Amino acid sequence: MATDYSRYEYIKIEKDNGLATLTLNRPDSLNAIIPPMHHELETIWVDVSEDPEVNAILLTGAGRAFCAGADVKGFGGPEGRGHRKGPFPMNATEARRIIHNMLDVEQPIVAAINGPAVGLGCSLALLCDITVCDESARLADTHVKVGLVAGDGGAIMWPLLVGPSRAKEYLMTGNFISGAEAAKIGLVNYALPKDQVLPKARELARQLADGPTWAIRWTKLAVNKTIKNLALMSDDAALAYETLTMYTQDHKEASAAFAEKRPPKFTGK
């Protein structure tokens, strides 16, 4: 029986002969993630992985962005990024669930990075199996710029893709990188003109959807053992450190500076 996706509000799901296209769908907000959308990102991977009509997945964003990361206004307040009340400003279980559920999907996932991919949005792209990026898109894990540890998968995927030294440069500075430069250093597979991104990603996804199902899936699972082992080693620490940084004065200053549209003044407290 095919999976029922009718409950999804912020992810558009379209199926075509074995290929499921998942579109992050808050285009007016650059597909920035709010708590109910975060919950959908936790569960969609389980649903699509169990759908017998899906042999490959294409992930992209509606409008001019892939995903701008967490919506700062949507995640504000004592519940933070989680959507349950509790003593912490985020729910690490929910953050971890996205990472592990994506890595557990047997079907191959191709990302069409059609515009900016920032923070958690960048992690979503990099957790995919093959990445096709707009050469002019801007990518970054900007957690550190708001006084936070990169706990949403960045500390896992960046070192694997570009090596520890380059990863630490980008994760510790929060600096942006263009799609073209990202392809040069191996952060993404392809960097193409914007109008070629979705067609190329769809071509790759279609090839995988029409290929030898079990050979493709089990090859992916064999490779993903390495990624999952690293995730198991590092994500608890990264998420715990991220939670701790939410209590620092530097994070509070970064949040205030964002609201007041001024540069933050960090004090190391």
Protein backbone atom coordinates (compact mmCIF):
# COMPACT_ATOMS: atom_id res chain seq x y z
CA MET A 1 0.00 0.00 0.00
CA ALA A 2 1.31 3.43 -0.96
CA THR A 3 2.09 5.91 1.80
CA ASP A 4 -0.43 8.65 2.62
CA TYR A 5 1.29 12.06 2.64
CA SER A 6 -1.83 14.18 3.11
CA ARG A 7 -0.80 15.40 6.56
CA TYR A 8 2.28 17.19 5.26
CA GLU A 9 1.85 20.96 5.07
CA TYR A 10 5.39 22.27 4.60
CA ILE A 11 6.80 19.55 2.37
CA LYS A 12 5.27 18.96 -1.05
CA ILE A 13 5.44 15.33 -2.18
CA GLU A 14 5.08 14.34 -5.83
CA LYS A 15 5.57 10.83 -7.19
CA ASP A 16 6.32 9.87 -10.78
CA ASN A 17 7.02 6.27 -11.73
CA GLY A 18 9.28 5.39 -8.81
CA LEU A 19 10.69 8.86 -8.22
CA ALA A 20 9.47 10.95 -5.27
CA THR A 21 10.20 14.69 -5.38
CA LEU A 22 10.16 16.33 -1.95
CA THR A 23 9.98 20.12 -2.07
CA LEU A 24 10.54 22.23 1.03
CA ASN A 25 7.59 24.55 0.71
CA ARG A 26 7.79 27.89 2.53
CA PRO A 27 9.02 29.94 -0.43
CA ASP A 28 8.05 33.32 1.04
CA SER A 29 10.44 32.62 3.94
CA LEU A 30 13.22 31.03 1.84
CA ASN A 31 11.95 27.67 3.13
CA ALA A 32 13.15 28.53 6.62
CA ILE A 33 12.20 25.87 9.14
CA ILE A 34 9.59 26.44 11.86
CA PRO A 35 8.74 23.87 14.57
CA PRO A 36 5.91 22.03 12.72
CA MET A 37 8.08 21.89 9.58
CA HIS A 38 10.94 20.51 11.69
CA HIS A 39 8.60 17.76 12.86
CA GLU A 40 7.68 16.99 9.25
CA LEU A 41 11.38 16.71 8.43
CA GLU A 42 11.72 14.14 11.20
CA THR A 43 8.92 11.92 9.91
CA ILE A 44 9.01 12.30 6.12
CA TRP A 45 12.08 10.07 5.81
CA VAL A 46 10.37 7.22 7.62
CA ASP A 47 7.25 7.56 5.48
CA VAL A 48 9.03 7.76 2.14
CA SER A 49 11.43 4.93 3.02
CA GLU A 50 8.44 2.66 3.63
CA ASP A 51 6.64 3.66 0.43
CA PRO A 52 6.77 0.69 -2.00
CA GLU A 53 6.18 3.08 -4.91
CA VAL A 54 9.43 5.00 -4.31
CA ASN A 55 12.82 3.86 -5.64
CA ALA A 56 14.62 7.22 -5.50
CA ILE A 57 14.09 10.63 -3.89
CA LEU A 58 14.78 14.15 -5.14
CA LEU A 59 14.98 16.88 -2.46
CA THR A 60 14.75 20.57 -3.40
CA GLY A 61 13.29 23.89 -2.27
CA ALA A 62 10.40 25.95 -3.58
CA GLY A 63 11.16 29.38 -5.01
CA ARG A 64 14.62 30.90 -4.99
CA ALA A 65 16.15 29.07 -2.00
CA PHE A 66 16.88 25.54 -0.96
CA CYS A 67 16.53 26.23 2.77
CA ALA A 68 17.60 29.22 4.89
CA GLY A 69 17.85 27.11 8.05
CA ALA A 70 15.84 27.66 11.19
CA ASP A 71 13.34 30.51 11.16
CA VAL A 72 14.68 32.61 14.03
CA LYS A 73 11.28 34.09 14.86
CA GLY A 74 9.54 30.71 14.61
CA PHE A 75 11.97 29.06 16.99
CA GLY A 76 12.15 31.88 19.51
CA GLY A 77 11.06 31.59 23.12
CA PRO A 78 11.54 28.99 25.85
CA GLU A 79 10.67 26.02 23.65
CA GLY A 80 13.51 26.89 21.28
CA ARG A 81 13.83 24.62 18.27
CA GLY A 82 11.97 21.77 19.81
CA HIS A 83 8.25 21.62 19.78
CA ARG A 84 7.73 20.18 23.16
CA LYS A 85 8.06 22.10 26.43
CA GLY A 86 10.96 21.16 28.64
CA PRO A 87 13.94 22.44 30.65
CA PHE A 88 16.13 22.99 27.58
CA PRO A 89 15.75 25.51 24.73
CA MET A 90 15.92 22.71 22.17
CA ASN A 91 14.99 19.05 21.97
CA ALA A 92 18.13 17.14 21.01
CA THR A 93 16.12 14.01 20.27
CA GLU A 94 14.20 15.80 17.53
CA ALA A 95 17.38 17.25 16.01
CA ARG A 96 19.07 13.84 16.10
CA ARG A 97 16.03 12.18 14.55
CA ILE A 98 16.35 14.13 11.30
CA ILE A 99 20.00 13.11 10.90
CA HIS A 100 19.51 9.42 11.60
CA ASN A 101 16.24 9.09 9.72
CA MET A 102 17.87 10.55 6.61
CA LEU A 103 20.84 8.21 6.91
CA ASP A 104 18.52 5.22 7.36
CA VAL A 105 16.58 5.79 4.12
CA GLU A 106 17.44 2.91 1.79
CA GLN A 107 16.43 4.72 -1.39
CA PRO A 108 19.07 7.07 -2.84
CA ILE A 109 18.47 10.79 -2.22
CA VAL A 110 19.57 13.43 -4.73
CA ALA A 111 19.61 17.08 -3.65
CA ALA A 112 18.85 19.88 -6.11
CA ILE A 113 20.34 22.84 -4.23
CA ASN A 114 18.55 25.55 -6.16
CA GLY A 115 19.58 28.48 -3.97
CA PRO A 116 20.91 29.37 -0.50
CA ALA A 117 21.42 26.46 1.91
CA VAL A 118 22.21 27.68 5.40
CA GLY A 119 22.52 26.08 8.85
CA LEU A 120 20.19 23.11 9.14
CA GLY A 121 19.26 23.72 5.50
CA CYS A 122 22.87 23.11 4.50
CA SER A 123 23.00 19.95 6.62
CA LEU A 124 19.85 18.64 4.93
CA ALA A 125 21.52 19.08 1.54
CA LEU A 126 24.82 17.48 2.59
CA LEU A 127 23.10 14.48 4.16
CA CYS A 128 21.77 13.57 0.70
CA ASP A 129 23.65 10.98 -1.34
CA ILE A 130 24.33 13.11 -4.44
CA THR A 131 24.26 16.90 -4.55
CA VAL A 132 23.67 19.18 -7.54
CA CYS A 133 24.10 22.85 -6.68
CA ASP A 134 23.46 26.22 -8.29
CA GLU A 135 26.99 27.52 -8.91
CA SER A 136 25.98 30.93 -7.55
CA ALA A 137 24.18 29.60 -4.45
CA ARG A 138 25.60 30.47 -1.04
CA LEU A 139 26.17 27.64 1.42
CA ALA A 140 27.17 27.89 5.07
CA ASP A 141 26.77 26.43 8.50
CA THR A 142 26.22 29.66 10.40
CA HIS A 143 25.58 28.31 13.89
CA VAL A 144 28.77 29.89 15.24
CA LYS A 145 27.71 33.33 13.98
CA VAL A 146 24.86 33.24 16.50
CA GLY A 147 27.05 31.84 19.26
CA LEU A 148 26.03 28.19 18.82
CA VAL A 149 27.82 24.92 18.14
CA ALA A 150 27.10 23.30 14.77
CA GLY A 151 24.91 20.55 16.19
CA ASP A 152 22.52 19.81 13.31
CA GLY A 153 24.76 17.53 11.30
CA GLY A 154 27.41 20.01 10.21
CA ALA A 155 30.08 18.50 12.46
CA ILE A 156 29.38 15.13 10.82
CA MET A 157 29.14 15.90 7.10
CA TRP A 158 31.63 18.72 6.53
CA PRO A 159 34.70 16.76 7.80
CA LEU A 160 33.68 13.70 5.79
CA LEU A 161 33.29 15.69 2.59
CA VAL A 162 36.16 18.20 2.72
CA GLY A 163 38.44 16.96 5.52
CA PRO A 164 38.84 18.15 9.11
CA SER A 165 40.93 21.28 8.44
CA ARG A 166 38.65 22.79 5.83
CA ALA A 167 35.60 21.72 7.83
CA LYS A 168 36.85 23.46 10.95
CA GLU A 169 37.57 26.63 8.98
CA TYR A 170 33.99 26.87 7.73
CA LEU A 171 32.31 25.60 10.89
CA MET A 172 34.32 27.84 13.23
CA THR A 173 33.93 30.98 11.11
CA GLY A 174 30.45 30.41 9.68
CA ASN A 175 31.74 31.82 6.40
CA PHE A 176 29.76 31.29 3.21
CA ILE A 177 30.99 29.36 0.19
CA SER A 178 29.62 29.55 -3.34
CA GLY A 179 28.25 26.50 -5.09
CA ALA A 180 31.09 26.70 -7.61
CA GLU A 181 33.74 26.70 -4.88
CA ALA A 182 31.86 23.99 -2.97
CA ALA A 183 32.16 21.70 -5.99
CA LYS A 184 35.89 22.45 -6.31
CA ILE A 185 36.60 21.29 -2.76
CA GLY A 186 34.23 18.31 -2.88
CA LEU A 187 31.49 19.64 -0.64
CA VAL A 188 28.94 19.04 -3.44
CA ASN A 189 29.05 16.78 -6.50
CA TYR A 190 28.05 19.28 -9.20
CA ALA A 191 27.84 23.06 -9.57
CA LEU A 192 25.85 24.22 -12.58
CA PRO A 193 24.02 27.30 -13.85
CA LYS A 194 20.77 27.70 -11.94
CA ASP A 195 18.51 26.60 -14.78
CA GLN A 196 20.41 23.32 -15.14
CA VAL A 197 20.31 22.28 -11.48
CA LEU A 198 16.88 20.67 -11.27
CA PRO A 199 17.12 18.94 -14.68
CA LYS A 200 20.52 17.41 -13.79
CA ALA A 201 19.32 16.33 -10.34
CA ARG A 202 16.19 14.82 -11.86
CA GLU A 203 18.26 13.01 -14.50
CA LEU A 204 20.43 11.43 -11.79
CA ALA A 205 17.44 10.57 -9.61
CA ARG A 206 15.65 9.00 -12.57
CA GLN A 207 18.70 6.90 -13.40
CA LEU A 208 18.74 5.62 -9.83
CA ALA A 209 14.98 5.05 -9.72
CA ASP A 210 15.19 2.94 -12.90
CA GLY A 211 18.35 1.08 -11.90
CA PRO A 212 18.86 -2.25 -10.09
CA THR A 213 16.97 -1.52 -6.88
CA TRP A 214 18.71 -3.74 -4.36
CA ALA A 215 22.22 -3.30 -5.74
CA ILE A 216 21.79 0.49 -5.43
CA ARG A 217 20.16 0.42 -2.01
CA TRP A 218 22.61 -1.97 -0.43
CA THR A 219 25.60 -0.14 -1.91
CA LYS A 220 24.27 3.02 -0.29
CA LEU A 221 23.73 1.26 3.05
CA ALA A 222 27.28 -0.15 2.97
CA VAL A 223 28.76 3.32 2.43
CA ASN A 224 26.43 4.87 4.98
CA LYS A 225 27.78 2.58 7.70
CA THR A 226 30.81 4.87 7.89
CA ILE A 227 28.67 8.00 8.09
CA LYS A 228 26.35 6.48 10.70
CA ASN A 229 29.30 5.36 12.83
CA LEU A 230 30.63 8.92 12.82
CA ALA A 231 27.17 10.24 13.60
CA LEU A 232 26.87 7.90 16.57
CA MET A 233 30.25 9.09 17.85
CA SER A 234 29.75 12.81 17.42
CA ASP A 235 26.12 13.91 17.29
CA ASP A 236 25.37 13.50 21.00
CA ALA A 237 28.37 15.67 21.86
CA ALA A 238 27.60 18.24 19.16
CA LEU A 239 23.96 18.53 20.21
CA ALA A 240 24.87 18.70 23.90
CA TYR A 241 27.43 21.44 23.26
CA GLU A 242 24.90 23.29 21.11
CA THR A 243 22.40 23.15 23.96
CA LEU A 244 25.01 24.52 26.37
CA THR A 245 25.87 27.41 24.07
CA MET A 246 22.23 28.45 24.08
CA TYR A 247 22.77 29.55 27.69
CA THR A 248 25.79 31.74 26.95
CA GLN A 249 25.83 35.52 26.89
CA ASP A 250 27.37 35.37 23.43
CA HIS A 251 24.28 33.62 22.07
CA LYS A 252 21.98 36.09 23.78
CA GLU A 253 24.01 38.96 22.32
CA ALA A 254 23.89 37.42 18.84
CA SER A 255 20.11 37.05 19.08
CA ALA A 256 19.71 40.64 20.25
CA ALA A 257 22.02 41.91 17.51
CA PHE A 258 20.01 40.03 14.88
CA ALA A 259 16.76 41.57 16.12
CA GLU A 260 18.34 45.03 16.26
CA LYS A 261 20.07 44.62 12.87
CA ARG A 262 23.55 45.40 14.18
CA PRO A 263 26.87 43.50 14.46
CA PRO A 264 27.14 41.43 17.63
CA LYS A 265 29.77 42.16 20.29
CA PHE A 266 30.99 38.85 21.65
CA THR A 267 32.62 38.72 25.09
CA GLY A 268 33.32 35.02 25.55
CA LYS A 269 30.77 34.69 28.31
